[in-house]
Amino acid sequence: MQSERVAYVNGDIVPESRATISIHDRGFLQGYSVFDTTRTFNHTIFKLDEHLERFYRSLKYARLEPNMDIAEMAHTTMEILRLNLPLIENTDDYWVTQRVSRGISGPDGEEPTIIIETVPLPFKARAKYYRDGMPVVIPSVRRTPPEVLSPRAKIQNYANLVQAEFEVRERNSDAWPILLDMNGNLSEGPGSNFFIVRDGAVITPREQFILAGISRSTTIELAQELGIETRQEDIDLYDAYTADESFVTSTSFCICPVNSINGSQIGGGEIPGPVTSRLLNAYSGLVGMDISGQYLAHL
């Protein structure tokens, strides 16, 4: 019986302990690669088509050719997931990720490196956010501006975001970083989008300055179905401090309530707030499981 997760690496399905890349891979040497990640709910993959469509847009922007069409990428992804699902409990789920790097340069050009993998979601480590809310801290590190590198492409080089994480953890080990853009407006955090609720309307930063997450777009769609006004506009620190509610969205969190920003309590302190609760319930209905309940069960 299979006792170790497997991964796809350049045409082969191998145990993770044997999933290696060359020291000359330009994804490693130059940090130049693209990825995308979805997750499972009750072991069923979520919006794979939408994630792969975004993945291939990122590849086109990065001028990386995977030599694998989107249909084959989807088929291989499902095969890796099928093989790895028996290794987790029924109450657990996976991140499911595709990666393409520039690979190795040779006399005939570059041969890309292609990896498909699954990783268990960190429910235990993050469960406290659904009980207590997520403390957000704004670091001094600014988000890479679109004039330098478009944040709309899911580039694997996270140096900018990791620097922000280091700074925030020195102030509060439980806090989540949300970076300002170069104009002083809130943008996004590592793998996560930011929202506020004001006067019943849901507001999130404009797409020019962020990676528009699939969970972000799902939340906007759910809000519209519920008759909740949604807007995409600049959000500065005044807007954040005076918001009625706040939350982040991401592949793993889906929707996670924020309790404070830079130590300033958001709204009346209710976790989650009424609008956030409606959206989280709608998201749970969409995926067929209690999202916050899955996290809280791991406390």
C-alpha atoms as a PDB file:
ATOM      1  CA  MET A   1       0.000   0.000   0.000  1.00  0.00           C
ATOM      2  CA  GLN A   2       1.106   3.548  -0.730  1.00  0.00           C
ATOM      3  CA  SER A   3       2.593   5.051   2.437  1.00  0.00           C
ATOM      4  CA  GLU A   4       3.969   8.327   1.087  1.00  0.00           C
ATOM      5  CA  ARG A   5       2.448  11.118  -0.946  1.00  0.00           C
ATOM      6  CA  VAL A   6       3.462  11.244  -4.590  1.00  0.00           C
ATOM      7  CA  ALA A   7       4.137  14.178  -6.883  1.00  0.00           C
ATOM      8  CA  TYR A   8       4.388  14.672 -10.620  1.00  0.00           C
ATOM      9  CA  VAL A   9       7.836  15.892 -11.717  1.00  0.00           C
ATOM     10  CA  ASN A  10       8.667  16.318 -15.398  1.00  0.00           C
ATOM     11  CA  GLY A  11       6.648  13.396 -16.703  1.00  0.00           C
ATOM     12  CA  ASP A  12       7.076  10.997 -13.783  1.00  0.00           C
ATOM     13  CA  ILE A  13       4.969  10.282 -10.722  1.00  0.00           C
ATOM     14  CA  VAL A  14       7.359   9.707  -7.833  1.00  0.00           C
ATOM     15  CA  PRO A  15       7.274   9.576  -4.005  1.00  0.00           C
ATOM     16  CA  GLU A  16       7.781  13.040  -2.558  1.00  0.00           C
ATOM     17  CA  SER A  17      11.085  11.970  -1.006  1.00  0.00           C
ATOM     18  CA  ARG A  18      12.370  11.405  -4.550  1.00  0.00           C
ATOM     19  CA  ALA A  19      10.798  14.516  -6.078  1.00  0.00           C
ATOM     20  CA  THR A  20      13.878  16.607  -6.850  1.00  0.00           C
ATOM     21  CA  ILE A  21      15.003  19.330  -9.242  1.00  0.00           C
ATOM     22  CA  SER A  22      18.446  20.238 -10.532  1.00  0.00           C
ATOM     23  CA  ILE A  23      20.650  22.775  -8.741  1.00  0.00           C
ATOM     24  CA  HIS A  24      20.839  24.458 -12.165  1.00  0.00           C
ATOM     25  CA  ASP A  25      17.082  24.925 -12.420  1.00  0.00           C
ATOM     26  CA  ARG A  26      16.438  28.620 -13.117  1.00  0.00           C
ATOM     27  CA  GLY A  27      13.419  28.568 -10.865  1.00  0.00           C
ATOM     28  CA  PHE A  28      15.901  27.964  -8.051  1.00  0.00           C
ATOM     29  CA  LEU A  29      18.745  30.109  -9.393  1.00  0.00           C
ATOM     30  CA  GLN A  30      16.609  33.105 -10.353  1.00  0.00           C
ATOM     31  CA  GLY A  31      13.364  32.551  -8.469  1.00  0.00           C
ATOM     32  CA  TYR A  32      11.510  32.629 -11.785  1.00  0.00           C
ATOM     33  CA  SER A  33       8.531  30.311 -11.796  1.00  0.00           C
ATOM     34  CA  VAL A  34       4.760  30.396 -11.758  1.00  0.00           C
ATOM     35  CA  PHE A  35       2.279  28.410  -9.686  1.00  0.00           C
ATOM     36  CA  ASP A  36      -1.365  28.101  -8.767  1.00  0.00           C
ATOM     37  CA  THR A  37      -3.130  26.377  -5.902  1.00  0.00           C
ATOM     38  CA  THR A  38      -6.647  25.215  -5.222  1.00  0.00           C
ATOM     39  CA  ARG A  39      -7.933  23.007  -2.411  1.00  0.00           C
ATOM     40  CA  THR A  40     -10.343  20.184  -1.753  1.00  0.00           C
ATOM     41  CA  PHE A  41     -13.551  20.234   0.283  1.00  0.00           C
ATOM     42  CA  ASN A  42     -14.591  16.805   1.557  1.00  0.00           C
ATOM     43  CA  HIS A  43     -11.839  15.497  -0.738  1.00  0.00           C
ATOM     44  CA  THR A  44     -13.444  17.113  -3.824  1.00  0.00           C
ATOM     45  CA  ILE A  45     -11.337  19.633  -5.707  1.00  0.00           C
ATOM     46  CA  PHE A  46     -12.693  23.201  -5.911  1.00  0.00           C
ATOM     47  CA  LYS A  47     -12.884  25.240  -9.133  1.00  0.00           C
ATOM     48  CA  LEU A  48      -9.962  23.500 -10.819  1.00  0.00           C
ATOM     49  CA  ASP A  49     -10.864  24.981 -14.226  1.00  0.00           C
ATOM     50  CA  GLU A  50     -10.808  28.551 -12.905  1.00  0.00           C
ATOM     51  CA  HIS A  51      -7.489  28.008 -11.158  1.00  0.00           C
ATOM     52  CA  LEU A  52      -5.873  26.456 -14.232  1.00  0.00           C
ATOM     53  CA  GLU A  53      -7.165  29.245 -16.460  1.00  0.00           C
ATOM     54  CA  ARG A  54      -5.508  31.768 -14.141  1.00  0.00           C
ATOM     55  CA  PHE A  55      -2.386  29.580 -14.050  1.00  0.00           C
ATOM     56  CA  TYR A  56      -2.076  29.630 -17.832  1.00  0.00           C
ATOM     57  CA  ARG A  57      -2.610  33.401 -17.916  1.00  0.00           C
ATOM     58  CA  SER A  58       0.237  33.742 -15.412  1.00  0.00           C
ATOM     59  CA  LEU A  59       2.402  31.483 -17.575  1.00  0.00           C
ATOM     60  CA  LYS A  60       1.706  33.609 -20.624  1.00  0.00           C
ATOM     61  CA  TYR A  61       2.570  36.795 -18.741  1.00  0.00           C
ATOM     62  CA  ALA A  62       5.801  35.192 -17.488  1.00  0.00           C
ATOM     63  CA  ARG A  63       6.602  33.877 -20.997  1.00  0.00           C
ATOM     64  CA  LEU A  64       6.874  30.323 -19.730  1.00  0.00           C
ATOM     65  CA  GLU A  65       5.786  27.465 -21.968  1.00  0.00           C
ATOM     66  CA  PRO A  66       4.861  24.322 -19.997  1.00  0.00           C
ATOM     67  CA  ASN A  67       4.696  22.039 -23.052  1.00  0.00           C
ATOM     68  CA  MET A  68       1.500  20.627 -21.553  1.00  0.00           C
ATOM     69  CA  ASP A  69      -1.956  21.808 -22.508  1.00  0.00           C
ATOM     70  CA  ILE A  70      -4.524  22.730 -19.915  1.00  0.00           C
ATOM     71  CA  ALA A  71      -6.535  19.520 -20.389  1.00  0.00           C
ATOM     72  CA  GLU A  72      -3.491  17.348 -19.682  1.00  0.00           C
ATOM     73  CA  MET A  73      -2.594  19.524 -16.687  1.00  0.00           C
ATOM     74  CA  ALA A  74      -6.089  18.999 -15.289  1.00  0.00           C
ATOM     75  CA  HIS A  75      -5.992  15.236 -15.900  1.00  0.00           C
ATOM     76  CA  THR A  76      -2.573  14.845 -14.242  1.00  0.00           C
ATOM     77  CA  THR A  77      -3.656  16.993 -11.309  1.00  0.00           C
ATOM     78  CA  MET A  78      -6.667  14.768 -10.695  1.00  0.00           C
ATOM     79  CA  GLU A  79      -4.489  11.657 -10.880  1.00  0.00           C
ATOM     80  CA  ILE A  80      -2.044  12.976  -8.272  1.00  0.00           C
ATOM     81  CA  LEU A  81      -4.956  13.916  -6.022  1.00  0.00           C
ATOM     82  CA  ARG A  82      -6.554  10.471  -6.468  1.00  0.00           C
ATOM     83  CA  LEU A  83      -3.354   8.730  -5.463  1.00  0.00           C
ATOM     84  CA  ASN A  84      -2.812  10.915  -2.386  1.00  0.00           C
ATOM     85  CA  LEU A  85      -6.330  11.121  -0.967  1.00  0.00           C
ATOM     86  CA  PRO A  86      -6.146   7.740   0.861  1.00  0.00           C
ATOM     87  CA  LEU A  87      -3.301   9.149   2.986  1.00  0.00           C
ATOM     88  CA  ILE A  88      -5.417  11.718   4.852  1.00  0.00           C
ATOM     89  CA  GLU A  89      -8.350  11.393   7.220  1.00  0.00           C
ATOM     90  CA  ASN A  90     -11.909  12.072   6.069  1.00  0.00           C
ATOM     91  CA  THR A  91     -11.904  15.286   8.132  1.00  0.00           C
ATOM     92  CA  ASP A  92      -8.793  16.646   6.390  1.00  0.00           C
ATOM     93  CA  ASP A  93      -8.259  18.192   2.973  1.00  0.00           C
ATOM     94  CA  TYR A  94      -5.446  19.128   0.601  1.00  0.00           C
ATOM     95  CA  TRP A  95      -3.911  22.105  -1.071  1.00  0.00           C
ATOM     96  CA  VAL A  96      -3.405  21.076  -4.724  1.00  0.00           C
ATOM     97  CA  THR A  97      -0.645  22.943  -6.571  1.00  0.00           C
ATOM     98  CA  GLN A  98       0.834  23.166 -10.061  1.00  0.00           C
ATOM     99  CA  ARG A  99       4.260  24.752 -10.618  1.00  0.00           C
ATOM    100  CA  VAL A 100       6.269  25.584 -13.750  1.00  0.00           C
ATOM    101  CA  SER A 101       9.783  27.051 -13.638  1.00  0.00           C
ATOM    102  CA  ARG A 102      12.191  28.134 -16.377  1.00  0.00           C
ATOM    103  CA  GLY A 103      14.000  24.872 -15.819  1.00  0.00           C
ATOM    104  CA  ILE A 104      17.500  24.233 -17.149  1.00  0.00           C
ATOM    105  CA  SER A 105      19.163  26.145 -19.978  1.00  0.00           C
ATOM    106  CA  GLY A 106      20.927  24.050 -22.601  1.00  0.00           C
ATOM    107  CA  PRO A 107      22.251  24.344 -26.147  1.00  0.00           C
ATOM    108  CA  ASP A 108      18.733  23.848 -27.477  1.00  0.00           C
ATOM    109  CA  GLY A 109      17.106  26.409 -25.173  1.00  0.00           C
ATOM    110  CA  GLU A 110      15.272  26.000 -21.893  1.00  0.00           C
ATOM    111  CA  GLU A 111      13.383  22.919 -20.746  1.00  0.00           C
ATOM    112  CA  PRO A 112      10.715  23.864 -18.164  1.00  0.00           C
ATOM    113  CA  THR A 113      10.315  22.069 -14.872  1.00  0.00           C
ATOM    114  CA  ILE A 114       6.726  20.967 -14.167  1.00  0.00           C
ATOM    115  CA  ILE A 115       5.578  19.896 -10.706  1.00  0.00           C
ATOM    116  CA  ILE A 116       2.135  18.911  -9.407  1.00  0.00           C
ATOM    117  CA  GLU A 117       1.774  18.210  -5.696  1.00  0.00           C
ATOM    118  CA  THR A 118      -0.634  18.039  -2.771  1.00  0.00           C
ATOM    119  CA  VAL A 119      -0.070  19.241   0.810  1.00  0.00           C
ATOM    120  CA  PRO A 120      -2.452  18.805   3.781  1.00  0.00           C
ATOM    121  CA  LEU A 121      -4.161  22.024   4.831  1.00  0.00           C
ATOM    122  CA  PRO A 122      -2.917  23.477   8.172  1.00  0.00           C
ATOM    123  CA  PHE A 123      -6.236  23.374  10.030  1.00  0.00           C
ATOM    124  CA  LYS A 124      -4.774  23.019  13.525  1.00  0.00           C
ATOM    125  CA  ALA A 125      -2.338  25.914  13.156  1.00  0.00           C
ATOM    126  CA  ARG A 126      -5.003  28.276  11.828  1.00  0.00           C
ATOM    127  CA  ALA A 127      -8.103  27.194  13.777  1.00  0.00           C
ATOM    128  CA  LYS A 128      -7.654  30.019  16.334  1.00  0.00           C
ATOM    129  CA  TYR A 129      -8.479  32.604  13.674  1.00  0.00           C
ATOM    130  CA  TYR A 130     -12.028  31.292  13.372  1.00  0.00           C
ATOM    131  CA  ARG A 131     -12.480  31.354  17.135  1.00  0.00           C
ATOM    132  CA  ASP A 132     -10.799  34.674  17.939  1.00  0.00           C
ATOM    133  CA  GLY A 133     -10.534  36.454  14.615  1.00  0.00           C
ATOM    134  CA  MET A 134      -7.346  37.267  12.745  1.00  0.00           C
ATOM    135  CA  PRO A 135      -5.110  40.101  13.941  1.00  0.00           C
ATOM    136  CA  VAL A 136      -3.776  42.011  10.941  1.00  0.00           C
ATOM    137  CA  VAL A 137      -0.592  44.064  11.076  1.00  0.00           C
ATOM    138  CA  ILE A 138       0.488  46.449   8.334  1.00  0.00           C
ATOM    139  CA  PRO A 139       4.258  46.172   7.766  1.00  0.00           C
ATOM    140  CA  SER A 140       6.546  48.899   6.459  1.00  0.00           C
ATOM    141  CA  VAL A 141       7.340  46.673   3.455  1.00  0.00           C
ATOM    142  CA  ARG A 142       5.251  47.777   0.466  1.00  0.00           C
ATOM    143  CA  ARG A 143       3.744  45.447  -2.113  1.00  0.00           C
ATOM    144  CA  THR A 144       5.690  45.170  -5.367  1.00  0.00           C
ATOM    145  CA  PRO A 145       4.106  47.774  -7.687  1.00  0.00           C
ATOM    146  CA  PRO A 146       2.679  46.823 -11.100  1.00  0.00           C
ATOM    147  CA  GLU A 147       5.263  49.079 -12.768  1.00  0.00           C
ATOM    148  CA  VAL A 148       7.923  46.606 -11.555  1.00  0.00           C
ATOM    149  CA  LEU A 149       6.148  43.239 -11.754  1.00  0.00           C
ATOM    150  CA  SER A 150       2.430  42.705 -12.131  1.00  0.00           C
ATOM    151  CA  PRO A 151       0.901  41.271  -8.947  1.00  0.00           C
ATOM    152  CA  ARG A 152      -1.897  39.891 -11.135  1.00  0.00           C
ATOM    153  CA  ALA A 153       0.353  36.977 -12.168  1.00  0.00           C
ATOM    154  CA  LYS A 154       0.959  34.300  -9.538  1.00  0.00           C
ATOM    155  CA  ILE A 155       4.753  34.409  -9.600  1.00  0.00           C
ATOM    156  CA  GLN A 156       6.425  32.038  -7.160  1.00  0.00           C
ATOM    157  CA  ASN A 157       9.044  34.561  -5.997  1.00  0.00           C
ATOM    158  CA  TYR A 158       7.539  35.625  -2.645  1.00  0.00           C
ATOM    159  CA  ALA A 159      10.563  37.555  -1.330  1.00  0.00           C
ATOM    160  CA  ASN A 160       8.506  40.734  -1.009  1.00  0.00           C
ATOM    161  CA  LEU A 161       5.760  38.990   0.961  1.00  0.00           C
ATOM    162  CA  VAL A 162       8.175  36.942   3.084  1.00  0.00           C
ATOM    163  CA  GLN A 163       9.985  40.102   4.171  1.00  0.00           C
ATOM    164  CA  ALA A 164       6.606  41.456   5.284  1.00  0.00           C
ATOM    165  CA  GLU A 165       5.911  38.219   7.207  1.00  0.00           C
ATOM    166  CA  PHE A 166       9.239  38.457   9.064  1.00  0.00           C
ATOM    167  CA  GLU A 167       8.526  42.023  10.119  1.00  0.00           C
ATOM    168  CA  VAL A 168       4.984  41.294  11.261  1.00  0.00           C
ATOM    169  CA  ARG A 169       5.952  38.196  13.251  1.00  0.00           C
ATOM    170  CA  GLU A 170       8.474  40.230  15.217  1.00  0.00           C
ATOM    171  CA  ARG A 171       5.573  42.384  16.393  1.00  0.00           C
ATOM    172  CA  ASN A 172       2.939  39.664  16.806  1.00  0.00           C
ATOM    173  CA  SER A 173       3.612  35.999  16.095  1.00  0.00           C
ATOM    174  CA  ASP A 174      -0.092  35.361  15.422  1.00  0.00           C
ATOM    175  CA  ALA A 175      -0.649  38.337  13.111  1.00  0.00           C
ATOM    176  CA  TRP A 176      -1.260  38.236   9.378  1.00  0.00           C
ATOM    177  CA  PRO A 177       0.448  40.816   7.135  1.00  0.00           C
ATOM    178  CA  ILE A 178      -1.537  42.971   4.739  1.00  0.00           C
ATOM    179  CA  LEU A 179       0.761  45.185   2.714  1.00  0.00           C
ATOM    180  CA  LEU A 180       0.218  48.732   1.522  1.00  0.00           C
ATOM    181  CA  ASP A 181       0.771  49.534  -2.130  1.00  0.00           C
ATOM    182  CA  MET A 182       3.094  52.347  -3.188  1.00  0.00           C
ATOM    183  CA  ASN A 183       0.171  54.808  -2.950  1.00  0.00           C
ATOM    184  CA  GLY A 184      -0.462  53.995   0.705  1.00  0.00           C
ATOM    185  CA  ASN A 185      -3.591  51.911   0.116  1.00  0.00           C
ATOM    186  CA  LEU A 186      -4.064  48.392   1.436  1.00  0.00           C
ATOM    187  CA  SER A 187      -3.389  45.732  -1.171  1.00  0.00           C
ATOM    188  CA  GLU A 188      -3.024  42.080  -0.128  1.00  0.00           C
ATOM    189  CA  GLY A 189      -1.182  39.580   2.040  1.00  0.00           C
ATOM    190  CA  PRO A 190       0.590  36.290   1.353  1.00  0.00           C
ATOM    191  CA  GLY A 191      -1.840  34.313  -0.771  1.00  0.00           C
ATOM    192  CA  SER A 192      -4.753  36.361   0.546  1.00  0.00           C
ATOM    193  CA  ASN A 193      -7.057  39.230  -0.397  1.00  0.00           C
ATOM    194  CA  PHE A 194      -8.393  41.889   1.948  1.00  0.00           C
ATOM    195  CA  PHE A 195     -11.960  43.140   2.452  1.00  0.00           C
ATOM    196  CA  ILE A 196     -13.744  45.632   4.666  1.00  0.00           C
ATOM    197  CA  VAL A 197     -17.455  46.070   5.333  1.00  0.00           C
ATOM    198  CA  ARG A 198     -18.797  49.606   5.681  1.00  0.00           C
ATOM    199  CA  ASP A 199     -22.473  50.597   5.936  1.00  0.00           C
ATOM    200  CA  GLY A 200     -23.460  47.130   4.723  1.00  0.00           C
ATOM    201  CA  ALA A 201     -21.283  47.247   1.578  1.00  0.00           C
ATOM    202  CA  VAL A 202     -18.352  44.887   0.923  1.00  0.00           C
ATOM    203  CA  ILE A 203     -15.256  46.705  -0.376  1.00  0.00           C
ATOM    204  CA  THR A 204     -11.979  45.252  -1.673  1.00  0.00           C
ATOM    205  CA  PRO A 205      -8.910  46.729  -3.416  1.00  0.00           C
ATOM    206  CA  ARG A 206      -8.814  47.166  -7.181  1.00  0.00           C
ATOM    207  CA  GLU A 207      -7.335  44.365  -9.289  1.00  0.00           C
ATOM    208  CA  GLN A 208      -4.525  46.472 -10.766  1.00  0.00           C
ATOM    209  CA  PHE A 209      -2.578  46.270  -7.497  1.00  0.00           C
ATOM    210  CA  ILE A 210      -3.324  42.700  -6.357  1.00  0.00           C
ATOM    211  CA  LEU A 211      -3.585  39.078  -7.385  1.00  0.00           C
ATOM    212  CA  ALA A 212      -7.311  38.606  -7.814  1.00  0.00           C
ATOM    213  CA  GLY A 213      -7.883  35.360  -5.949  1.00  0.00           C
ATOM    214  CA  ILE A 214     -10.450  32.776  -6.957  1.00  0.00           C
ATOM    215  CA  SER A 215     -11.762  32.901  -3.379  1.00  0.00           C
ATOM    216  CA  ARG A 216     -12.011  36.687  -3.739  1.00  0.00           C
ATOM    217  CA  SER A 217     -14.118  36.414  -6.894  1.00  0.00           C
ATOM    218  CA  THR A 218     -16.221  33.655  -5.307  1.00  0.00           C
ATOM    219  CA  THR A 219     -16.917  35.906  -2.319  1.00  0.00           C
ATOM    220  CA  ILE A 220     -17.907  38.812  -4.572  1.00  0.00           C
ATOM    221  CA  GLU A 221     -20.269  36.536  -6.500  1.00  0.00           C
ATOM    222  CA  LEU A 222     -21.838  35.249  -3.283  1.00  0.00           C
ATOM    223  CA  ALA A 223     -22.284  38.798  -1.972  1.00  0.00           C
ATOM    224  CA  GLN A 224     -24.059  39.810  -5.159  1.00  0.00           C
ATOM    225  CA  GLU A 225     -26.327  36.762  -4.945  1.00  0.00           C
ATOM    226  CA  LEU A 226     -27.201  37.786  -1.370  1.00  0.00           C
ATOM    227  CA  GLY A 227     -28.008  41.327  -2.486  1.00  0.00           C
ATOM    228  CA  ILE A 228     -24.971  42.780  -0.689  1.00  0.00           C
ATOM    229  CA  GLU A 229     -23.404  45.768  -2.425  1.00  0.00           C
ATOM    230  CA  THR A 230     -19.824  45.125  -3.574  1.00  0.00           C
ATOM    231  CA  ARG A 231     -17.236  47.690  -4.638  1.00  0.00           C
ATOM    232  CA  GLN A 232     -13.622  47.589  -5.781  1.00  0.00           C
ATOM    233  CA  GLU A 233     -11.841  50.764  -4.714  1.00  0.00           C
ATOM    234  CA  ASP A 234      -8.844  52.113  -2.837  1.00  0.00           C
ATOM    235  CA  ILE A 235      -8.831  51.355   0.905  1.00  0.00           C
ATOM    236  CA  ASP A 236      -6.523  53.430   3.088  1.00  0.00           C
ATOM    237  CA  LEU A 237      -5.746  52.990   6.779  1.00  0.00           C
ATOM    238  CA  TYR A 238      -8.540  55.366   7.792  1.00  0.00           C
ATOM    239  CA  ASP A 239     -11.035  53.161   5.938  1.00  0.00           C
ATOM    240  CA  ALA A 240      -9.606  50.054   7.593  1.00  0.00           C
ATOM    241  CA  TYR A 241      -9.574  51.457  11.134  1.00  0.00           C
ATOM    242  CA  THR A 242     -13.146  52.744  10.856  1.00  0.00           C
ATOM    243  CA  ALA A 243     -14.628  49.688   9.091  1.00  0.00           C
ATOM    244  CA  ASP A 244     -17.621  47.894  10.575  1.00  0.00           C
ATOM    245  CA  GLU A 245     -16.089  44.507   9.732  1.00  0.00           C
ATOM    246  CA  SER A 246     -13.078  43.100   7.939  1.00  0.00           C
ATOM    247  CA  PHE A 247     -12.058  39.728   6.576  1.00  0.00           C
ATOM    248  CA  VAL A 248      -9.508  38.065   4.331  1.00  0.00           C
ATOM    249  CA  THR A 249     -10.105  35.500   1.614  1.00  0.00           C
ATOM    250  CA  SER A 250      -7.723  32.818   0.387  1.00  0.00           C
ATOM    251  CA  THR A 251      -7.699  29.299  -0.995  1.00  0.00           C
ATOM    252  CA  SER A 252      -7.210  27.778   2.438  1.00  0.00           C
ATOM    253  CA  PHE A 253      -9.178  30.246   4.594  1.00  0.00           C
ATOM    254  CA  CYS A 254     -12.015  30.856   2.102  1.00  0.00           C
ATOM    255  CA  ILE A 255     -13.294  33.663   4.351  1.00  0.00           C
ATOM    256  CA  CYS A 256     -11.642  34.433   7.686  1.00  0.00           C
ATOM    257  CA  PRO A 257     -12.794  37.259  10.005  1.00  0.00           C
ATOM    258  CA  VAL A 258     -10.322  39.953  11.054  1.00  0.00           C
ATOM    259  CA  ASN A 259     -10.532  41.176  14.644  1.00  0.00           C
ATOM    260  CA  SER A 260      -7.997  44.017  14.606  1.00  0.00           C
ATOM    261  CA  ILE A 261      -5.666  46.051  12.435  1.00  0.00           C
ATOM    262  CA  ASN A 262      -2.438  47.259  14.025  1.00  0.00           C
ATOM    263  CA  GLY A 263      -4.038  46.500  17.387  1.00  0.00           C
ATOM    264  CA  SER A 264      -7.143  48.605  16.694  1.00  0.00           C
ATOM    265  CA  GLN A 265     -10.335  46.576  17.140  1.00  0.00           C
ATOM    266  CA  ILE A 266     -12.552  46.338  14.082  1.00  0.00           C
ATOM    267  CA  GLY A 267     -16.193  47.335  14.629  1.00  0.00           C
ATOM    268  CA  GLY A 268     -17.812  46.102  17.808  1.00  0.00           C
ATOM    269  CA  GLY A 269     -15.556  43.066  18.143  1.00  0.00           C
ATOM    270  CA  GLU A 270     -18.144  40.488  17.046  1.00  0.00           C
ATOM    271  CA  ILE A 271     -16.439  37.477  15.407  1.00  0.00           C
ATOM    272  CA  PRO A 272     -17.537  37.037  12.735  1.00  0.00           C
ATOM    273  CA  GLY A 273     -19.534  40.196  12.054  1.00  0.00           C
ATOM    274  CA  PRO A 274     -23.040  39.887  10.584  1.00  0.00           C
ATOM    275  CA  VAL A 275     -22.084  40.460   6.927  1.00  0.00           C
ATOM    276  CA  THR A 276     -18.989  38.284   7.191  1.00  0.00           C
ATOM    277  CA  SER A 277     -21.114  35.572   8.808  1.00  0.00           C
ATOM    278  CA  ARG A 278     -23.640  35.662   5.968  1.00  0.00           C
ATOM    279  CA  LEU A 279     -20.873  35.341   3.395  1.00  0.00           C
ATOM    280  CA  LEU A 280     -19.115  32.561   5.285  1.00  0.00           C
ATOM    281  CA  ASN A 281     -22.388  30.634   5.574  1.00  0.00           C
ATOM    282  CA  ALA A 282     -23.015  31.100   1.857  1.00  0.00           C
ATOM    283  CA  TYR A 283     -19.493  29.899   1.044  1.00  0.00           C
ATOM    284  CA  SER A 284     -20.052  26.842   3.247  1.00  0.00           C
ATOM    285  CA  GLY A 285     -23.288  26.143   1.399  1.00  0.00           C
ATOM    286  CA  LEU A 286     -21.492  26.436  -1.946  1.00  0.00           C
ATOM    287  CA  VAL A 287     -18.820  23.879  -1.048  1.00  0.00           C
ATOM    288  CA  GLY A 288     -21.125  21.601   0.923  1.00  0.00           C
ATOM    289  CA  MET A 289     -19.408  21.755   4.309  1.00  0.00           C
ATOM    290  CA  ASP A 290     -19.004  23.972   7.373  1.00  0.00           C
ATOM    291  CA  ILE A 291     -15.772  25.861   6.626  1.00  0.00           C
ATOM    292  CA  SER A 292     -15.225  27.380  10.056  1.00  0.00           C
ATOM    293  CA  GLY A 293     -16.398  24.149  11.707  1.00  0.00           C
ATOM    294  CA  GLN A 294     -13.691  22.180   9.913  1.00  0.00           C
ATOM    295  CA  TYR A 295     -11.051  24.517  11.347  1.00  0.00           C
ATOM    296  CA  LEU A 296     -12.585  24.706  14.832  1.00  0.00           C
ATOM    297  CA  ALA A 297     -12.716  20.908  15.083  1.00  0.00           C
ATOM    298  CA  HIS A 298      -8.900  20.948  15.105  1.00  0.00           C
ATOM    299  CA  LEU A 299      -8.587  23.167  18.208  1.00  0.00           C
END
